Amino acid sequence: MNKIILVFILLLFVFSLVAEEKISFSGINEFEYIYRNRKIEYRNYFSDKLTLQMQYKIFRSGLKYDLYHPKHDKFLDIDNIVNEDEIPVFLDNNEKNENYFDEYFLQIENDNFFVNFGTFDAVIGSGIVTHNYYDEDFNEDHRLTGIYEQTTFDKLMLQIFYGTMKNKNDEDKKDKITALDIEYDVLGNLTTGFAYLMHLRNQEDLDEKNEYSQRDILSGRLNYQHELFDISCEYAESNEYDRYDDRKIDGRAFYSNLTTYLDKFTVIGAYKNYLNFDSEISDLPTANHSEESLYDNWEPGLDEEGIMGEIQFVPNFENEFILNYAEGWSSDFKVRQSDFYSEFKHDFEKISLKAEYSQLEQMNKSFKNWKKEITPVLSADFMIGQFPILIKAEYQYKEKVQGTEIKSHYEPKLQTDVSYNDYSFSLTVENQVGESEDGEDGELWIGGELAVTVFGSTDIRIFGGKEKGGKVCRNGVCRYQSEFEGVRIEITTSF
């Protein structure tokens, strides 16, 4: 690994010597400081991520170096560890000082040909077969390190790649992925595709020999576009032999989407059917508006079927209506989900109002669990002088039944975003009324973030306070955040 990185550094140096005037360099530096208020006092975290890229004619190369002191694990719940003597062990295992080359690549590209040596993302079709990328919100790295090649002909697109990725159970071990994908343009508005992928999971045995469970996937897809409708469907079958359990597992996945255009109406329908397709490399469409799995800790693709329907109605430039409903279930109907979402938006001359309502219900009969979330939202977007302002009010109700125990509570939330030129500020206040597993009655979350752009190339974000977690949208950026209390400073510079 170190030898490969050294080769990339030498290539950067050689190109800079032979092409002084034609070569171009660019980069991004991301610095983050976190002070987090937890059981352990004075816990400070620093990180810096430097990305450098070089471009010379059809060649591009790059490196990314990460430095953590120590690495912050936002999902490590220190406050709920009962035995405080165990806290140092958790910190040593999850929040260590680290520094490493996170990414390195050499690319060659022209109009019909692209090849990448090193680190790369990869996706086949809708992502059912594989979608290898780094999910920053959940700190999951499924990128590949190896070789990727894509060739485009008149009507044919071919991509082939081989790479290694981190094993989901042990980051020190590597899995291997080999894939071939062919897409053919049949009629201009009709394309079809076929793919084969082999995933070798590292399963090191007691004799310290590297053995792999092999998972083979075959898939086909079809996309058709018409002036009145678009339709796409994809089907995949997998076969896996697990060496540990000495058993063969067959899986399948099917997803289809239909969008119809009827004057001022747009009608969308989707259907999913997954069985034994719970793989870390797959990015299965949820076919619901909330993007939620069937139930908490339910592995996507393990066993689920569902449908979704959506109607969008835009009668004029001032109004917009959306209705979306989805149902999902397991094959034995013991795990169920229903998801409803509606939206109405009206643009006045100087203000835009939007009303939203969502209701999510999930049930697991095996554990006698049932829960419901009802979330009405009202937001207003307007200008006061040169200040764009967003005011958003949410009043969420949550109810959960576990066995014979019933808990319910409200979570009212108010958010205000104000902008002026290169400055924007967001303030969120959220309160809990009633007890739940996530907090006590009367718990209050108040957090504010200031976002500033300086010198035209540096973005600074400073957050302070307490946030409940979940999907958070502020100052034009949406992220998934875990529960947090403290200070977070992010400085991103492009050059």
Protein backbone atom coordinates (compact mmCIF):
# COMPACT_ATOMS: atom_id res chain seq x y z
CA MET A 1 0.00 0.00 0.00
CA ASN A 2 2.74 2.49 0.93
CA LYS A 3 4.60 1.67 -2.29
CA ILE A 4 1.52 2.46 -4.35
CA ILE A 5 1.09 5.81 -2.63
CA LEU A 6 4.76 6.60 -3.21
CA VAL A 7 4.29 5.94 -6.93
CA PHE A 8 1.43 8.45 -7.04
CA ILE A 9 3.53 11.08 -5.29
CA LEU A 10 6.39 10.52 -7.76
CA LEU A 11 3.96 10.81 -10.70
CA LEU A 12 2.75 14.15 -9.37
CA PHE A 13 6.34 15.36 -9.12
CA VAL A 14 7.35 14.11 -12.59
CA PHE A 15 4.34 15.67 -14.29
CA SER A 16 5.05 18.99 -12.60
CA LEU A 17 8.57 18.96 -14.09
CA VAL A 18 7.71 17.98 -17.67
CA ALA A 19 4.67 20.21 -18.05
CA GLU A 20 5.26 23.37 -16.06
CA GLU A 21 2.85 25.56 -18.05
CA LYS A 22 0.19 23.04 -19.08
CA ILE A 23 -0.26 21.36 -15.74
CA SER A 24 -2.94 22.54 -13.29
CA PHE A 25 -3.32 21.89 -9.59
CA SER A 26 -6.37 22.13 -7.32
CA GLY A 27 -7.20 21.11 -3.81
CA ILE A 28 -9.53 21.21 -0.84
CA ASN A 29 -8.61 21.42 2.84
CA GLU A 30 -11.24 20.54 5.44
CA PHE A 31 -10.48 21.39 9.08
CA GLU A 32 -12.84 20.50 11.92
CA TYR A 33 -12.73 21.19 15.64
CA ILE A 34 -15.22 19.59 18.02
CA TYR A 35 -15.72 20.13 21.71
CA ARG A 36 -18.33 17.67 22.94
CA ASN A 37 -19.95 17.84 26.36
CA ARG A 38 -20.12 14.28 27.70
CA LYS A 39 -19.39 12.34 30.88
CA ILE A 40 -15.70 12.74 30.18
CA GLU A 41 -14.57 16.36 30.60
CA TYR A 42 -12.51 18.49 28.23
CA ARG A 43 -12.93 16.14 25.30
CA ASN A 44 -11.53 17.97 22.26
CA TYR A 45 -11.29 16.64 18.73
CA PHE A 46 -9.26 17.97 15.81
CA SER A 47 -9.25 16.70 12.25
CA ASP A 48 -7.79 17.88 8.96
CA LYS A 49 -8.42 16.41 5.51
CA LEU A 50 -6.26 17.60 2.62
CA THR A 51 -7.12 16.70 -0.99
CA LEU A 52 -4.72 17.51 -3.85
CA GLN A 53 -5.36 16.95 -7.56
CA MET A 54 -3.23 17.42 -10.66
CA GLN A 55 -4.52 17.69 -14.26
CA TYR A 56 -2.34 17.34 -17.38
CA LYS A 57 -4.06 16.82 -20.73
CA ILE A 58 -5.96 13.51 -20.41
CA PHE A 59 -4.26 12.60 -17.11
CA ARG A 60 -5.53 13.39 -13.63
CA SER A 61 -4.10 12.20 -10.31
CA GLY A 62 -4.96 12.92 -6.72
CA LEU A 63 -4.28 12.21 -3.07
CA LYS A 64 -6.29 12.71 0.08
CA TYR A 65 -4.67 12.65 3.51
CA ASP A 66 -6.68 12.47 6.77
CA LEU A 67 -5.41 13.45 10.21
CA TYR A 68 -7.43 12.90 13.40
CA HIS A 69 -6.42 13.88 16.94
CA PRO A 70 -8.34 11.86 17.98
CA LYS A 71 -10.96 10.54 15.54
CA HIS A 72 -14.46 11.52 16.68
CA ASP A 73 -17.10 8.77 16.72
CA LYS A 74 -20.42 10.62 16.75
CA PHE A 75 -22.33 7.38 17.35
CA LEU A 76 -20.38 6.40 20.48
CA ASP A 77 -22.87 7.01 23.30
CA ILE A 78 -20.56 7.59 26.26
CA ASP A 79 -23.27 9.03 28.51
CA ASN A 80 -25.27 5.78 28.56
CA ILE A 81 -22.36 3.47 29.46
CA VAL A 82 -23.37 2.20 32.92
CA ASN A 83 -19.93 1.10 34.11
CA GLU A 84 -17.72 4.19 33.85
CA ASP A 85 -14.59 2.04 34.21
CA GLU A 86 -15.31 0.69 30.72
CA ILE A 87 -15.27 4.15 29.11
CA PRO A 88 -11.46 4.25 28.53
CA VAL A 89 -11.67 0.92 26.69
CA PHE A 90 -14.42 2.24 24.39
CA LEU A 91 -12.39 5.39 23.73
CA ASP A 92 -9.23 3.44 22.95
CA ASN A 93 -11.11 1.20 20.53
CA ASN A 94 -13.16 3.87 18.77
CA GLU A 95 -11.52 7.28 19.19
CA LYS A 96 -7.79 6.95 18.57
CA ASN A 97 -5.27 9.32 17.04
CA GLU A 98 -5.09 8.37 13.38
CA ASN A 99 -3.47 9.59 10.16
CA TYR A 100 -3.52 7.88 6.80
CA PHE A 101 -3.93 8.30 3.04
CA ASP A 102 -7.68 8.06 2.62
CA GLU A 103 -7.75 8.29 -1.16
CA TYR A 104 -5.32 8.12 -4.09
CA PHE A 105 -5.92 7.72 -7.79
CA LEU A 106 -4.57 8.13 -11.31
CA GLN A 107 -7.12 8.69 -14.10
CA ILE A 108 -6.92 8.71 -17.88
CA GLU A 109 -9.91 10.12 -19.76
CA ASN A 110 -10.91 11.08 -23.29
CA ASP A 111 -14.28 11.32 -25.07
CA ASN A 112 -14.93 7.56 -25.15
CA PHE A 113 -12.58 6.08 -22.59
CA PHE A 114 -12.06 6.42 -18.84
CA VAL A 115 -9.81 4.41 -16.55
CA ASN A 116 -9.05 4.86 -12.85
CA PHE A 117 -6.22 3.26 -10.90
CA GLY A 118 -6.56 3.56 -7.12
CA THR A 119 -9.59 4.61 -5.07
CA PHE A 120 -12.94 4.93 -6.80
CA ASP A 121 -16.73 4.95 -6.42
CA ALA A 122 -18.86 2.58 -8.48
CA VAL A 123 -22.54 2.10 -9.19
CA ILE A 124 -24.45 -0.32 -11.41
CA GLY A 125 -27.98 0.57 -12.53
CA SER A 126 -30.14 1.87 -9.69
CA GLY A 127 -27.65 0.62 -7.08
CA ILE A 128 -29.33 -2.73 -6.43
CA VAL A 129 -26.31 -4.72 -7.57
CA THR A 130 -23.77 -2.36 -5.99
CA HIS A 131 -23.21 1.25 -5.02
CA ASN A 132 -19.72 1.68 -3.63
CA TYR A 133 -19.16 5.09 -2.06
CA TYR A 134 -18.29 6.82 1.22
CA ASP A 135 -21.34 7.74 3.31
CA GLU A 136 -20.08 10.63 5.43
CA ASP A 137 -23.30 10.96 7.46
CA PHE A 138 -23.03 7.42 8.82
CA ASN A 139 -19.25 7.06 8.48
CA GLU A 140 -19.54 3.99 6.26
CA ASP A 141 -16.82 3.47 3.68
CA HIS A 142 -17.65 1.13 0.79
CA ARG A 143 -15.26 2.64 -1.76
CA LEU A 144 -13.03 0.33 -3.76
CA THR A 145 -9.29 0.36 -4.32
CA GLY A 146 -8.21 -1.20 -7.60
CA ILE A 147 -8.92 -0.52 -11.26
CA TYR A 148 -12.04 0.84 -12.95
CA GLU A 149 -12.57 1.13 -16.71
CA GLN A 150 -15.46 2.55 -18.72
CA THR A 151 -15.73 2.57 -22.50
CA THR A 152 -18.47 4.26 -24.50
CA PHE A 153 -19.23 3.26 -28.08
CA ASP A 154 -22.00 4.50 -30.39
CA LYS A 155 -24.79 2.62 -28.59
CA LEU A 156 -22.88 0.57 -26.06
CA MET A 157 -21.50 1.46 -22.65
CA LEU A 158 -19.18 -0.99 -20.91
CA GLN A 159 -17.82 -0.71 -17.38
CA ILE A 160 -15.61 -3.24 -15.67
CA PHE A 161 -13.85 -2.98 -12.33
CA TYR A 162 -11.96 -4.91 -9.71
CA GLY A 163 -11.16 -3.67 -6.23
CA THR A 164 -10.87 -4.36 -2.54
CA MET A 165 -12.93 -2.75 0.22
CA LYS A 166 -13.10 -2.81 3.99
CA ASN A 167 -14.78 -5.82 5.53
CA LYS A 168 -17.89 -4.72 7.45
CA ASN A 169 -16.93 -6.78 10.53
CA ASP A 170 -13.19 -6.06 10.59
CA GLU A 171 -11.61 -3.01 8.94
CA ASP A 172 -8.21 -4.75 8.94
CA LYS A 173 -9.58 -7.35 6.52
CA LYS A 174 -10.42 -6.78 2.87
CA ASP A 175 -13.23 -8.00 0.67
CA LYS A 176 -12.83 -8.37 -3.09
CA ILE A 177 -15.29 -7.24 -5.76
CA THR A 178 -15.20 -7.94 -9.50
CA ALA A 179 -17.91 -6.62 -11.81
CA LEU A 180 -18.89 -6.34 -15.46
CA ASP A 181 -21.74 -4.10 -16.62
CA ILE A 182 -23.04 -3.66 -20.18
CA GLU A 183 -25.68 -1.13 -21.23
CA TYR A 184 -27.06 -1.01 -24.78
CA ASP A 185 -29.13 1.72 -26.43
CA VAL A 186 -31.71 -0.28 -28.40
CA LEU A 187 -33.98 2.41 -29.87
CA GLY A 188 -32.74 5.75 -28.62
CA ASN A 189 -35.44 5.92 -25.95
CA LEU A 190 -35.08 2.25 -24.94
CA THR A 191 -31.97 0.99 -23.15
CA THR A 192 -31.23 -2.36 -21.59
CA GLY A 193 -28.43 -3.49 -19.34
CA PHE A 194 -26.88 -6.67 -17.93
CA ALA A 195 -24.39 -7.05 -15.10
CA TYR A 196 -22.40 -9.70 -13.26
CA LEU A 197 -20.71 -9.13 -9.91
CA MET A 198 -18.66 -11.38 -7.65
CA HIS A 199 -18.26 -10.36 -4.01
CA LEU A 200 -15.71 -12.30 -1.95
CA ARG A 201 -16.22 -11.67 1.78
CA ASN A 202 -13.17 -12.23 3.94
CA GLN A 203 -13.80 -14.99 6.48
CA GLU A 204 -10.49 -15.75 8.15
CA ASP A 205 -10.58 -19.20 9.74
CA LEU A 206 -8.97 -20.43 12.93
CA ASP A 207 -5.87 -21.56 11.03
CA GLU A 208 -5.28 -17.91 10.00
CA LYS A 209 -5.86 -18.72 6.35
CA ASN A 210 -7.76 -16.16 4.30
CA GLU A 211 -10.90 -17.81 3.01
CA TYR A 212 -13.82 -16.07 1.40
CA SER A 213 -17.54 -16.60 1.13
CA GLN A 214 -18.46 -16.03 -2.51
CA ARG A 215 -21.55 -14.11 -3.56
CA ASP A 216 -22.45 -14.01 -7.26
CA ILE A 217 -25.01 -11.55 -8.62
CA LEU A 218 -26.62 -11.53 -12.06
CA SER A 219 -28.91 -8.66 -13.03
CA GLY A 220 -30.85 -7.19 -15.93
CA ARG A 221 -32.53 -3.81 -16.33
CA LEU A 222 -34.72 -1.94 -18.76
CA ASN A 223 -35.39 1.79 -19.20
CA TYR A 224 -37.94 3.28 -21.58
CA GLN A 225 -38.68 7.00 -22.09
CA HIS A 226 -41.76 8.38 -23.81
CA GLU A 227 -43.25 11.86 -23.98
CA LEU A 228 -46.11 10.64 -21.75
CA PHE A 229 -44.24 8.35 -19.36
CA ASP A 230 -40.90 6.92 -18.21
CA ILE A 231 -40.52 3.37 -16.92
CA SER A 232 -37.56 1.55 -15.44
CA CYS A 233 -37.24 -1.88 -13.89
CA GLU A 234 -34.34 -3.93 -12.59
CA TYR A 235 -34.07 -7.52 -11.39
CA ALA A 236 -31.14 -9.25 -9.71
CA GLU A 237 -30.46 -12.73 -8.35
CA SER A 238 -27.68 -13.64 -5.94
CA ASN A 239 -26.12 -16.91 -4.85
CA GLU A 240 -23.84 -17.09 -1.84
CA TYR A 241 -22.01 -19.89 -0.13
CA ASP A 242 -21.08 -19.11 3.48
CA ARG A 243 -18.04 -21.10 4.62
CA TYR A 244 -18.70 -20.48 8.32
CA ASP A 245 -22.31 -21.68 8.31
CA ASP A 246 -21.71 -24.22 5.52
CA ARG A 247 -24.90 -23.18 3.75
CA LYS A 248 -25.99 -21.73 0.46
CA ILE A 249 -28.12 -18.57 0.39
CA ASP A 250 -30.20 -17.53 -2.62
CA GLY A 251 -31.46 -13.97 -2.87
CA ARG A 252 -33.39 -11.76 -5.25
CA ALA A 253 -34.23 -8.09 -5.71
CA PHE A 254 -36.72 -6.38 -7.99
CA TYR A 255 -37.46 -2.67 -8.27
CA SER A 256 -39.61 -0.83 -10.79
CA ASN A 257 -40.58 2.81 -11.19
CA LEU A 258 -43.20 4.41 -13.48
CA THR A 259 -43.59 8.17 -13.97
CA THR A 260 -46.51 9.43 -16.05
CA TYR A 261 -46.95 13.00 -17.29
CA LEU A 262 -50.59 14.10 -17.69
CA ASP A 263 -50.75 17.83 -18.41
CA LYS A 264 -50.56 19.48 -14.97
CA PHE A 265 -50.37 16.13 -13.16
CA THR A 266 -47.35 13.91 -12.60
CA VAL A 267 -48.14 10.40 -11.34
CA ILE A 268 -45.35 8.22 -9.91
CA GLY A 269 -45.58 4.56 -8.94
CA ALA A 270 -42.92 2.23 -7.51
CA TYR A 271 -42.75 -1.43 -6.49
CA LYS A 272 -40.04 -3.29 -4.56
CA ASN A 273 -39.50 -6.96 -3.67
CA TYR A 274 -36.31 -8.00 -1.84
CA LEU A 275 -35.41 -11.33 -0.25
CA ASN A 276 -32.01 -12.26 1.24
CA PHE A 277 -30.49 -9.24 -0.48
CA ASP A 278 -29.21 -7.50 2.67
CA SER A 279 -25.73 -6.66 1.45
CA GLU A 280 -23.53 -3.74 2.53
CA ILE A 281 -22.62 -2.97 -1.08
CA SER A 282 -26.23 -2.65 -2.28
CA ASP A 283 -28.16 0.62 -2.14
CA LEU A 284 -31.75 -0.59 -2.34
CA PRO A 285 -34.50 1.97 -3.05
CA THR A 286 -36.82 2.21 -0.04
CA ALA A 287 -39.90 3.07 -2.15
CA ASN A 288 -41.27 5.44 0.51
CA HIS A 289 -41.04 9.17 1.12
CA SER A 290 -39.41 8.97 4.56
CA GLU A 291 -36.56 6.76 3.24
CA GLU A 292 -37.06 4.51 6.27
CA SER A 293 -36.51 0.77 6.52
CA LEU A 294 -39.45 -1.46 7.48
CA TYR A 295 -38.63 -1.23 11.18
CA ASP A 296 -35.81 -0.20 13.51
CA ASN A 297 -32.71 -2.36 13.01
CA TRP A 298 -34.44 -4.21 10.15
CA GLU A 299 -31.81 -4.98 7.53
CA PRO A 300 -32.84 -3.44 4.17
CA GLY A 301 -33.28 -6.20 1.61
CA LEU A 302 -33.57 -9.04 4.11
CA ASP A 303 -37.27 -9.67 3.50
CA GLU A 304 -39.53 -6.90 2.27
CA GLU A 305 -42.09 -6.03 -0.37
CA GLY A 306 -43.83 -2.75 -0.96
CA ILE A 307 -45.56 -0.26 -3.21
CA MET A 308 -45.53 3.53 -3.43
CA GLY A 309 -47.74 6.01 -5.27
CA GLU A 310 -47.36 9.77 -5.67
CA ILE A 311 -49.42 12.49 -7.35
CA GLN A 312 -47.96 15.92 -8.10
CA PHE A 313 -50.34 18.65 -9.24
CA VAL A 314 -49.08 22.06 -10.42
CA PRO A 315 -52.16 24.00 -11.63
CA ASN A 316 -50.25 27.29 -12.06
CA PHE A 317 -47.03 29.06 -11.12
CA GLU A 318 -48.27 29.89 -7.61
CA ASN A 319 -49.48 26.51 -6.33
CA GLU A 320 -48.11 23.00 -5.94
CA PHE A 321 -49.72 19.89 -4.41
CA ILE A 322 -48.06 16.56 -3.55
CA LEU A 323 -49.64 13.39 -2.17
CA ASN A 324 -47.50 10.32 -1.47
CA TYR A 325 -48.45 7.00 0.11
CA ALA A 326 -46.43 3.81 0.56
CA GLU A 327 -46.97 0.39 2.14
CA GLY A 328 -44.27 -2.13 3.02
CA TRP A 329 -44.39 -5.61 4.56
CA SER A 330 -42.38 -8.76 5.23
CA SER A 331 -43.33 -12.07 3.61
CA ASP A 332 -45.06 -13.30 6.81
CA PHE A 333 -46.76 -9.88 7.34
CA LYS A 334 -45.40 -9.68 10.89
CA VAL A 335 -43.40 -6.56 10.03
CA ARG A 336 -45.45 -3.79 8.43
CA GLN A 337 -45.03 -0.15 7.51
CA SER A 338 -47.25 2.62 6.16
CA ASP A 339 -45.91 6.02 5.10
CA PHE A 340 -48.04 9.04 4.12
CA TYR A 341 -46.81 12.48 3.03
CA SER A 342 -48.65 15.53 1.71
CA GLU A 343 -47.49 18.99 0.76
CA PHE A 344 -49.12 22.23 -0.35
CA LYS A 345 -47.06 25.22 -1.46
CA HIS A 346 -48.33 28.67 -2.44
CA ASP A 347 -46.17 31.53 -3.67
CA PHE A 348 -47.50 34.99 -2.91
CA GLU A 349 -45.86 38.11 -4.31
CA LYS A 350 -43.43 38.52 -1.40
CA ILE A 351 -43.74 35.31 0.60
CA SER A 352 -43.81 31.58 -0.04
CA LEU A 353 -45.79 29.34 2.32
CA LYS A 354 -45.51 25.57 2.54
CA ALA A 355 -47.59 23.18 4.63
CA GLU A 356 -46.48 19.56 5.07
CA TYR A 357 -47.97 16.58 6.85
CA SER A 358 -46.36 13.15 7.25
CA GLN A 359 -47.41 10.04 9.13
CA LEU A 360 -45.24 6.96 9.56
CA GLU A 361 -46.43 3.75 11.24
CA GLN A 362 -44.28 0.67 11.81
CA MET A 363 -45.11 -2.65 13.43
CA ASN A 364 -43.21 -5.80 14.43
CA LYS A 365 -45.63 -8.45 15.71
CA SER A 366 -42.83 -10.80 16.72
CA PHE A 367 -41.78 -8.40 19.50
CA LYS A 368 -45.24 -6.87 20.02
CA ASN A 369 -43.87 -3.49 18.94
CA TRP A 370 -45.74 -0.71 17.19
CA LYS A 371 -44.90 2.95 16.73
CA LYS A 372 -46.34 6.01 15.03
CA GLU A 373 -44.91 9.39 14.11
CA ILE A 374 -47.14 12.29 13.03
CA THR A 375 -45.35 15.42 11.82
CA PRO A 376 -47.15 18.56 10.65
CA VAL A 377 -44.81 21.31 9.38
CA LEU A 378 -45.48 24.91 8.37
CA SER A 379 -42.75 27.05 6.81
CA ALA A 380 -42.53 30.56 5.40
CA ASP A 381 -39.83 31.88 3.07
CA PHE A 382 -39.67 35.64 2.50
CA MET A 383 -37.44 38.74 2.27
CA ILE A 384 -37.05 41.68 4.62
CA GLY A 385 -34.99 44.19 2.71
CA GLN A 386 -31.84 42.31 1.65
CA PHE A 387 -32.34 39.55 4.22
CA PRO A 388 -33.79 36.19 3.00
CA ILE A 389 -35.58 34.59 5.97
CA LEU A 390 -36.93 31.09 6.52
CA ILE A 391 -39.21 30.28 9.46
CA LYS A 392 -40.15 26.65 10.00
CA ALA A 393 -42.47 25.31 12.72
CA GLU A 394 -42.87 21.59 13.41
CA TYR A 395 -45.04 19.79 15.97
CA GLN A 396 -44.19 16.10 15.96
CA TYR A 397 -46.13 13.49 17.89
CA LYS A 398 -44.60 10.08 18.67
CA GLU A 399 -46.30 7.05 20.16
CA LYS A 400 -44.72 3.66 20.86
CA VAL A 401 -46.19 0.40 22.15
CA GLN A 402 -43.79 -2.27 23.39
CA GLY A 403 -45.55 -5.27 24.89
CA THR A 404 -47.98 -3.77 27.39
CA GLU A 405 -46.07 -0.51 27.83
CA ILE A 406 -47.27 2.59 25.99
CA LYS A 407 -45.27 5.81 25.68
CA SER A 408 -46.15 8.97 23.81
CA HIS A 409 -44.81 12.50 23.63
CA TYR A 410 -44.70 15.68 21.54
CA GLU A 411 -41.64 17.36 20.06
CA PRO A 412 -42.42 20.95 19.04
CA LYS A 413 -39.60 22.60 17.05
CA LEU A 414 -39.04 26.10 15.71
CA GLN A 415 -36.26 26.99 13.26
CA THR A 416 -35.25 30.33 11.79
CA ASP A 417 -32.65 30.86 9.06
CA VAL A 418 -31.47 34.37 8.16
CA SER A 419 -29.03 35.25 5.36
CA TYR A 420 -27.21 38.37 4.21
CA ASN A 421 -24.64 38.29 1.40
CA ASP A 422 -22.01 35.73 2.48
CA TYR A 423 -23.41 35.33 5.99
CA SER A 424 -26.21 33.06 7.18
CA PHE A 425 -27.40 32.08 10.65
CA SER A 426 -29.72 29.28 11.74
CA LEU A 427 -31.29 28.87 15.17
CA THR A 428 -33.30 25.79 16.22
CA VAL A 429 -35.27 25.31 19.42
CA GLU A 430 -36.83 21.92 20.14
CA ASN A 431 -38.64 20.68 23.23
CA GLN A 432 -39.99 17.34 24.44
CA VAL A 433 -43.36 17.14 26.14
CA GLY A 434 -43.78 13.68 27.67
CA GLU A 435 -41.37 10.83 28.37
CA SER A 436 -39.70 8.55 25.82
CA GLU A 437 -36.66 6.35 25.38
CA ASP A 438 -34.80 9.28 23.80
CA GLY A 439 -35.32 11.85 26.53
CA GLU A 440 -37.27 13.06 29.54
CA ASP A 441 -40.27 15.34 29.81
CA GLY A 442 -39.23 18.97 29.40
CA GLU A 443 -35.88 18.26 27.75
CA LEU A 444 -34.79 21.19 25.62
CA TRP A 445 -32.51 21.32 22.58
CA ILE A 446 -31.23 24.74 21.48
CA GLY A 447 -28.59 25.07 18.78
CA GLY A 448 -27.35 27.76 16.46
CA GLU A 449 -25.05 27.71 13.44
CA LEU A 450 -23.26 30.58 11.73
CA ALA A 451 -22.09 30.01 8.14
CA VAL A 452 -19.69 32.46 6.49
CA THR A 453 -17.88 32.53 3.15
CA VAL A 454 -14.60 34.50 3.21
CA PHE A 455 -12.10 35.28 0.44
CA GLY A 456 -14.53 33.66 -2.01
CA SER A 457 -13.05 30.20 -1.44
CA THR A 458 -13.32 29.44 2.28
CA ASP A 459 -16.51 28.31 4.01
CA ILE A 460 -16.70 28.50 7.80
CA ARG A 461 -19.45 26.85 9.84
CA ILE A 462 -19.69 27.27 13.61
CA PHE A 463 -22.31 25.35 15.58
CA GLY A 464 -22.90 25.71 19.27
CA GLY A 465 -25.51 24.25 21.57
CA LYS A 466 -27.48 21.03 21.74
CA GLU A 467 -29.22 19.12 18.95
CA LYS A 468 -31.45 16.07 19.17
CA GLY A 469 -30.12 14.38 16.05
CA GLY A 470 -31.67 12.96 12.91
CA LYS A 471 -31.83 14.68 9.54
CA VAL A 472 -30.94 18.34 10.03
CA CYS A 473 -31.26 21.04 7.34
CA ARG A 474 -29.78 24.44 8.09
CA ASN A 475 -28.14 27.18 6.06
CA GLY A 476 -28.81 25.32 2.82
CA VAL A 477 -27.11 22.04 3.85
CA CYS A 478 -28.86 18.83 4.95
CA ARG A 479 -26.99 16.20 6.99
CA TYR A 480 -27.70 13.33 9.32
CA GLN A 481 -26.48 14.24 12.82
CA SER A 482 -26.33 12.13 15.95
CA GLU A 483 -27.34 13.62 19.30
CA PHE A 484 -24.78 16.29 20.14
CA GLU A 485 -23.99 18.93 22.75
CA GLY A 486 -21.00 21.22 22.47
CA VAL A 487 -19.18 23.24 19.82
CA ARG A 488 -18.36 22.25 16.25
CA ILE A 489 -16.22 24.35 13.87
CA GLU A 490 -15.72 23.43 10.20
CA ILE A 491 -13.44 25.32 7.83
CA THR A 492 -13.33 24.25 4.18
CA THR A 493 -10.90 25.94 1.77
CA SER A 494 -10.75 25.34 -1.99
CA PHE A 495 -7.72 26.30 -4.07
